[in-house]
């Protein structure tokens, strides 16, 4: 399966965090005090004083069975409503008005995006419901992600919690998402919300999807011709090593107990830094040919899957087609053509 397009909108905006000012209160206690106030107040009491939009969205999701997202960068707008309407739909409509945001209601969720930048209108056209195999409609997601969370951390969290294998290439993997609250939505709709919040326009995103994995990529990926029909992921039955089942967690392994939490990371690490972890989890030696040692490896969590698919999902994240791998004589060899 695939989606077509030319451009990708990549805009990173630093998040501004504010806290209650109290000269006599140490900073750590000050933050705890603010969190406690927010926790104990209802959403309708909270907004009677100026409150950051992302805090409002998060609080709303914690109190009501609602799915809502804001596009990344809009989280620092302020909300204040003297007499909030307790009808949730009307309440959200009022939020959109006072924050100068447009509101899209689709697939039973609310999407808030800036009015003043018309380019965001294209985000409303990103609709993934029923675009993936039926398996993903049967996975029902309830989750919340804070503004600024890197996309690869979000996908890894879904993989870890719901037993999926969802990966994106490096052209979008490190994009920060907006505040997202998801309540009992099919995985396809949850992904739709997440990608919208990260400002990923439908013209640029494509994917390969089977019951075993979803791989998101863009036209910046030089393997695009091979990825467009997804046959590059076909099983290689001639190499028995590639049929080995593995669980991959990078940059380091994590407990398999689902009660444990999956670490969130700031960014990619060089291949040379994660090679030993990859070797331990595959039982194979890792060899890095010249020019591959510093390839950026984004944090990745893959559930039980064939070694070939795991290595494909790792390698195809690199946009440059000259990088590849081979498995031979008990080794995983990372290559760069021309070296």
Protein backbone atom coordinates (compact mmCIF):
# COMPACT_ATOMS: atom_id res chain seq x y z
CA UNK A 1 0.00 0.00 0.00
CA UNK A 2 1.26 3.47 -0.66
CA UNK A 3 0.45 7.12 -0.62
CA UNK A 4 1.87 9.65 -3.10
CA UNK A 5 3.31 13.11 -2.73
CA UNK A 6 6.18 15.48 -3.20
CA UNK A 7 6.64 17.74 -0.22
CA UNK A 8 7.08 17.32 3.50
CA UNK A 9 6.51 20.09 5.95
CA UNK A 10 9.09 19.96 8.71
CA UNK A 11 8.74 22.67 11.30
CA UNK A 12 10.25 22.35 14.76
CA UNK A 13 9.19 24.83 17.40
CA UNK A 14 10.67 24.92 20.88
CA UNK A 15 8.18 24.29 23.65
CA UNK A 16 7.84 27.03 26.25
CA UNK A 17 7.00 25.68 29.67
CA UNK A 18 5.64 27.88 32.41
CA UNK A 19 5.07 27.19 36.07
CA UNK A 20 3.48 28.85 39.10
CA UNK A 21 5.74 31.54 40.52
CA UNK A 22 6.48 31.30 44.23
CA UNK A 23 9.70 32.82 45.54
CA UNK A 24 9.68 30.84 48.75
CA UNK A 25 9.09 27.48 47.05
CA UNK A 26 12.03 25.44 45.63
CA UNK A 27 11.68 24.71 41.91
CA UNK A 28 11.04 20.98 42.31
CA UNK A 29 8.35 21.54 44.92
CA UNK A 30 6.94 24.36 42.79
CA UNK A 31 6.38 22.03 39.85
CA UNK A 32 4.85 19.40 42.12
CA UNK A 33 2.52 22.05 43.55
CA UNK A 34 1.38 23.06 40.07
CA UNK A 35 0.84 19.43 39.07
CA UNK A 36 -1.20 18.82 42.24
CA UNK A 37 -3.39 21.88 41.58
CA UNK A 38 -4.02 20.76 38.00
CA UNK A 39 -4.76 17.21 39.16
CA UNK A 40 -7.32 18.29 41.74
CA UNK A 41 -9.12 20.94 39.67
CA UNK A 42 -11.74 19.99 37.13
CA UNK A 43 -11.09 21.06 33.55
CA UNK A 44 -13.89 23.63 33.83
CA UNK A 45 -12.34 25.22 36.91
CA UNK A 46 -8.85 25.06 35.44
CA UNK A 47 -9.67 27.18 32.38
CA UNK A 48 -11.10 30.02 34.44
CA UNK A 49 -7.47 31.09 34.82
CA UNK A 50 -4.99 31.38 31.92
CA UNK A 51 -3.83 27.82 31.08
CA UNK A 52 -1.60 26.49 28.34
CA UNK A 53 -3.48 24.77 25.55
CA UNK A 54 -1.54 21.50 25.84
CA UNK A 55 -2.36 21.32 29.56
CA UNK A 56 -6.04 21.84 28.74
CA UNK A 57 -6.00 19.06 26.14
CA UNK A 58 -4.20 16.66 28.49
CA UNK A 59 -6.55 17.42 31.36
CA UNK A 60 -9.60 17.08 29.14
CA UNK A 61 -8.44 13.64 28.03
CA UNK A 62 -7.85 12.53 31.62
CA UNK A 63 -11.41 13.45 32.68
CA UNK A 64 -13.53 12.56 29.66
CA UNK A 65 -13.65 9.83 27.00
CA UNK A 66 -12.55 12.19 24.26
CA UNK A 67 -9.94 12.00 21.49
CA UNK A 68 -8.30 15.31 20.63
CA UNK A 69 -5.03 16.63 19.22
CA UNK A 70 -3.32 19.93 18.51
CA UNK A 71 -0.71 20.47 15.86
CA UNK A 72 2.85 20.78 17.13
CA UNK A 73 3.80 24.35 17.96
CA UNK A 74 0.31 25.42 19.06
CA UNK A 75 0.69 24.05 22.57
CA UNK A 76 1.84 27.39 24.00
CA UNK A 77 -1.38 29.24 23.21
CA UNK A 78 -3.39 30.29 26.23
CA UNK A 79 -6.90 29.29 27.19
CA UNK A 80 -9.14 31.26 29.55
CA UNK A 81 -12.91 30.83 29.69
CA UNK A 82 -14.86 32.56 32.45
CA UNK A 83 -18.03 30.51 32.01
CA UNK A 84 -17.09 27.26 30.25
CA UNK A 85 -19.89 25.26 28.64
CA UNK A 86 -19.93 21.75 30.10
CA UNK A 87 -21.04 20.24 26.82
CA UNK A 88 -17.69 18.86 25.62
CA UNK A 89 -18.26 19.57 21.93
CA UNK A 90 -19.22 23.19 22.64
CA UNK A 91 -16.36 23.51 25.11
CA UNK A 92 -13.82 22.42 22.49
CA UNK A 93 -15.40 24.73 19.91
CA UNK A 94 -14.93 27.62 22.35
CA UNK A 95 -11.30 26.65 22.86
CA UNK A 96 -10.73 26.78 19.11
CA UNK A 97 -12.27 30.25 18.91
CA UNK A 98 -10.28 31.88 21.71
CA UNK A 99 -6.99 30.32 20.57
CA UNK A 100 -7.57 31.30 16.92
CA UNK A 101 -7.57 27.67 15.83
CA UNK A 102 -9.58 25.85 13.18
CA UNK A 103 -11.40 22.73 14.29
CA UNK A 104 -11.83 19.54 12.30
CA UNK A 105 -14.16 16.83 13.58
CA UNK A 106 -13.49 13.55 11.80
CA UNK A 107 -13.34 9.85 12.74
CA UNK A 108 -14.84 10.80 16.12
CA UNK A 109 -11.92 13.00 17.21
CA UNK A 110 -11.15 16.73 17.33
CA UNK A 111 -8.20 18.29 15.50
CA UNK A 112 -7.08 21.85 16.33
CA UNK A 113 -4.73 23.72 14.00
CA UNK A 114 -3.83 27.41 13.46
CA UNK A 115 -6.21 29.55 11.44
CA UNK A 116 -3.56 32.06 10.39
CA UNK A 117 -1.48 29.54 8.40
CA UNK A 118 -3.58 28.10 5.59
CA UNK A 119 -0.95 25.44 4.81
CA UNK A 120 -2.31 23.48 7.78
CA UNK A 121 -5.56 22.92 5.90
CA UNK A 122 -3.81 20.18 3.92
CA UNK A 123 -3.33 18.23 7.15
CA UNK A 124 -7.09 17.72 7.36
CA UNK A 125 -6.89 15.58 4.23
CA UNK A 126 -4.73 12.94 5.90
CA UNK A 127 -7.16 10.07 6.50
CA UNK A 128 -5.79 6.61 7.29
CA UNK A 129 -8.91 4.82 8.48
CA UNK A 130 -9.24 1.52 6.57
CA UNK A 131 -6.01 2.18 4.66
CA UNK A 132 -4.15 -0.67 6.39
CA UNK A 133 -4.85 -4.41 6.72
CA UNK A 134 -7.89 -5.28 8.86
CA UNK A 135 -5.61 -6.37 11.71
CA UNK A 136 -4.92 -2.74 12.58
CA UNK A 137 -8.62 -1.84 12.81
CA UNK A 138 -8.93 -4.54 15.47
CA UNK A 139 -6.20 -2.97 17.63
CA UNK A 140 -7.91 -0.37 19.82
CA UNK A 141 -5.65 2.33 21.21
CA UNK A 142 -6.05 4.42 24.33
CA UNK A 143 -3.00 6.60 24.90
CA UNK A 144 -1.71 10.11 25.50
CA UNK A 145 1.49 11.73 24.21
CA UNK A 146 2.91 15.09 25.22
CA UNK A 147 3.77 17.88 22.80
CA UNK A 148 7.36 17.64 21.63
CA UNK A 149 7.62 13.84 21.87
CA UNK A 150 9.68 12.50 18.97
CA UNK A 151 7.74 10.42 16.46
CA UNK A 152 10.04 7.41 16.83
CA UNK A 153 9.31 7.33 20.58
CA UNK A 154 5.57 7.37 19.88
CA UNK A 155 5.77 4.52 17.36
CA UNK A 156 8.00 2.48 19.67
CA UNK A 157 5.51 2.97 22.49
CA UNK A 158 2.69 1.66 20.29
CA UNK A 159 4.85 -1.29 19.24
CA UNK A 160 5.71 -2.13 22.84
CA UNK A 161 2.14 -1.81 24.12
CA UNK A 162 0.14 -3.30 21.26
CA UNK A 163 2.56 -5.82 19.73
CA UNK A 164 3.01 -3.98 16.43
CA UNK A 165 6.05 -3.25 14.27
CA UNK A 166 5.68 0.34 13.05
CA UNK A 167 8.74 2.26 11.85
CA UNK A 168 9.34 5.49 9.93
CA UNK A 169 12.36 6.52 7.90
CA UNK A 170 14.74 9.27 8.98
CA UNK A 171 12.96 11.98 7.00
CA UNK A 172 10.19 12.07 9.61
CA UNK A 173 11.30 9.88 12.54
CA UNK A 174 12.58 12.75 14.71
CA UNK A 175 9.69 15.12 14.10
CA UNK A 176 8.05 16.30 17.33
CA UNK A 177 4.35 15.62 17.66
CA UNK A 178 1.74 17.90 19.20
CA UNK A 179 -0.33 17.10 22.28
CA UNK A 180 -2.38 13.98 21.48
CA UNK A 181 -5.06 12.24 23.54
CA UNK A 182 -6.47 9.03 22.07
CA UNK A 183 -9.45 7.21 23.55
CA UNK A 184 -10.42 3.80 22.17
CA UNK A 185 -9.56 4.41 18.54
CA UNK A 186 -8.48 1.85 15.92
CA UNK A 187 -4.72 1.91 15.43
CA UNK A 188 -5.15 3.33 11.93
CA UNK A 189 -7.04 6.34 13.33
CA UNK A 190 -4.53 6.72 16.17
CA UNK A 191 -1.72 6.90 13.61
CA UNK A 192 -3.72 9.42 11.59
CA UNK A 193 -3.96 11.66 14.65
CA UNK A 194 -0.29 11.29 15.53
CA UNK A 195 0.97 12.09 12.02
CA UNK A 196 -1.32 15.11 11.74
CA UNK A 197 -0.01 16.46 15.02
CA UNK A 198 3.55 16.17 13.67
CA UNK A 199 2.60 18.32 10.65
CA UNK A 200 3.05 15.54 8.13
CA UNK A 201 1.03 16.45 5.06
CA UNK A 202 -0.73 13.69 3.09
CA UNK A 203 1.09 14.64 -0.12
CA UNK A 204 4.40 13.52 1.37
CA UNK A 205 3.67 10.40 3.40
CA UNK A 206 3.67 6.90 1.95
CA UNK A 207 3.75 3.47 3.51
CA UNK A 208 4.18 -0.25 3.10
CA UNK A 209 1.82 -2.22 5.31
CA UNK A 210 1.20 -5.92 5.93
CA UNK A 211 -0.02 -7.87 8.94
CA UNK A 212 3.62 -8.00 10.05
CA UNK A 213 4.63 -4.33 9.84
CA UNK A 214 3.94 -0.75 8.77
CA UNK A 215 6.81 1.28 7.32
CA UNK A 216 6.27 5.00 6.74
CA UNK A 217 8.51 6.81 4.28
CA UNK A 218 8.62 9.94 2.14
CA UNK A 219 9.85 10.94 -1.29
CA UNK A 220 13.17 11.88 0.31
CA UNK A 221 13.92 8.17 0.66
CA UNK A 222 16.14 7.19 -2.27
CA UNK A 223 14.71 3.65 -2.21
CA UNK A 224 11.33 5.06 -3.18
CA UNK A 225 10.99 3.07 -6.42
CA UNK A 226 11.66 -0.18 -4.56
CA UNK A 227 9.44 0.79 -1.65
CA UNK A 228 6.48 1.84 -3.78
CA UNK A 229 5.46 -1.77 -4.52
CA UNK A 230 6.77 -3.04 -1.15
CA UNK A 231 8.36 -6.08 -2.77
CA UNK A 232 11.69 -5.10 -1.27
CA UNK A 233 10.38 -6.60 1.98
CA UNK A 234 9.68 -10.02 0.42
CA UNK A 235 11.03 -12.99 2.38
CA UNK A 236 14.37 -14.46 1.29
CA UNK A 237 13.79 -18.19 1.80
CA UNK A 238 17.22 -19.12 0.52
CA UNK A 239 19.02 -17.78 3.59
CA UNK A 240 17.90 -19.67 6.70
CA UNK A 241 19.60 -17.13 8.98
CA UNK A 242 17.17 -14.46 7.79
CA UNK A 243 14.26 -16.66 8.88
CA UNK A 244 15.38 -16.52 12.51
CA UNK A 245 12.83 -14.89 14.83
CA UNK A 246 14.14 -11.93 16.83
CA UNK A 247 13.05 -9.18 19.17
CA UNK A 248 14.98 -5.96 18.62
CA UNK A 249 15.23 -3.11 21.11
CA UNK A 250 17.72 -0.33 20.37
CA UNK A 251 19.82 1.36 21.59
CA UNK A 252 19.60 -1.26 24.35
CA UNK A 253 17.40 -4.16 25.29
CA UNK A 254 14.46 -3.64 27.64
CA UNK A 255 12.52 -6.08 29.86
CA UNK A 256 9.91 -8.08 27.97
CA UNK A 257 7.48 -7.63 30.84
CA UNK A 258 4.73 -5.38 29.48
CA UNK A 259 4.32 -3.89 32.94
CA UNK A 260 7.71 -2.26 32.44
CA UNK A 261 7.93 1.10 30.71
CA UNK A 262 9.73 1.70 27.45
CA UNK A 263 12.43 4.40 27.71
CA UNK A 264 12.01 7.52 25.59
CA UNK A 265 15.15 8.85 23.90
CA UNK A 266 16.27 12.22 22.56
CA UNK A 267 17.64 11.08 19.23
CA UNK A 268 19.62 8.67 17.10
CA UNK A 269 22.92 7.02 18.01
CA UNK A 270 25.74 5.95 15.65
CA UNK A 271 25.58 2.38 14.40
CA UNK A 272 28.90 1.71 16.11
CA UNK A 273 27.31 2.52 19.50
CA UNK A 274 24.39 0.10 19.12
CA UNK A 275 26.21 -2.70 17.27
CA UNK A 276 26.95 -4.72 20.42
CA UNK A 277 23.30 -4.56 21.51
CA UNK A 278 22.17 -5.65 18.04
CA UNK A 279 24.68 -8.52 18.12
CA UNK A 280 23.44 -9.70 21.52
CA UNK A 281 19.82 -9.69 20.39
CA UNK A 282 20.41 -11.45 17.07
CA UNK A 283 23.15 -13.85 18.18
CA UNK A 284 25.22 -12.79 15.16
CA UNK A 285 28.45 -10.85 14.79
CA UNK A 286 28.13 -7.30 13.49
CA UNK A 287 30.62 -6.06 10.91
CA UNK A 288 30.59 -2.44 9.79
CA UNK A 289 32.34 -1.71 6.54
CA UNK A 290 33.99 1.66 6.04
CA UNK A 291 31.51 4.52 5.91
CA UNK A 292 28.78 2.83 7.94
CA UNK A 293 30.04 3.27 11.50
CA UNK A 294 28.37 6.65 12.02
CA UNK A 295 25.04 5.90 10.38
CA UNK A 296 22.28 7.24 12.67
CA UNK A 297 20.17 4.52 14.25
CA UNK A 298 16.95 5.81 15.75
CA UNK A 299 15.65 4.14 18.90
CA UNK A 300 13.60 1.19 17.73
CA UNK A 301 11.44 -1.51 19.30
CA UNK A 302 10.41 -4.47 17.15
CA UNK A 303 8.34 -7.39 18.36
CA UNK A 304 8.86 -11.02 17.36
CA UNK A 305 9.67 -10.89 13.67
CA UNK A 306 11.93 -12.46 11.08
CA UNK A 307 15.51 -11.23 11.09
CA UNK A 308 15.22 -10.07 7.47
CA UNK A 309 12.25 -7.86 8.23
CA UNK A 310 13.95 -6.42 11.32
CA UNK A 311 17.08 -5.57 9.32
CA UNK A 312 15.01 -4.17 6.45
CA UNK A 313 13.11 -1.87 8.82
CA UNK A 314 16.39 -0.68 10.32
CA UNK A 315 18.28 -0.22 7.06
CA UNK A 316 15.50 1.38 5.02
CA UNK A 317 15.33 4.20 7.56
CA UNK A 318 18.52 5.51 5.99
CA UNK A 319 17.55 7.69 3.06
CA UNK A 320 20.69 7.01 1.06
CA UNK A 321 20.27 3.90 -1.12
CA UNK A 322 24.02 3.26 -1.08
CA UNK A 323 23.73 1.78 2.42
CA UNK A 324 22.71 -1.86 2.70
CA UNK A 325 23.30 -5.05 4.65
CA UNK A 326 24.03 -8.70 4.02
CA UNK A 327 23.95 -11.74 6.26
CA UNK A 328 26.66 -14.28 5.66
CA UNK A 329 28.70 -16.80 7.66
CA UNK A 330 27.08 -15.87 10.96
CA UNK A 331 27.62 -12.14 10.38
CA UNK A 332 25.45 -9.13 9.71
CA UNK A 333 27.53 -6.94 7.45
CA UNK A 334 26.58 -3.30 6.90
CA UNK A 335 27.90 -2.02 3.57
CA UNK A 336 28.26 1.21 1.66
CA UNK A 337 28.48 0.85 -2.11
CA UNK A 338 31.63 2.30 -3.60
CA UNK A 339 33.67 1.67 -0.46
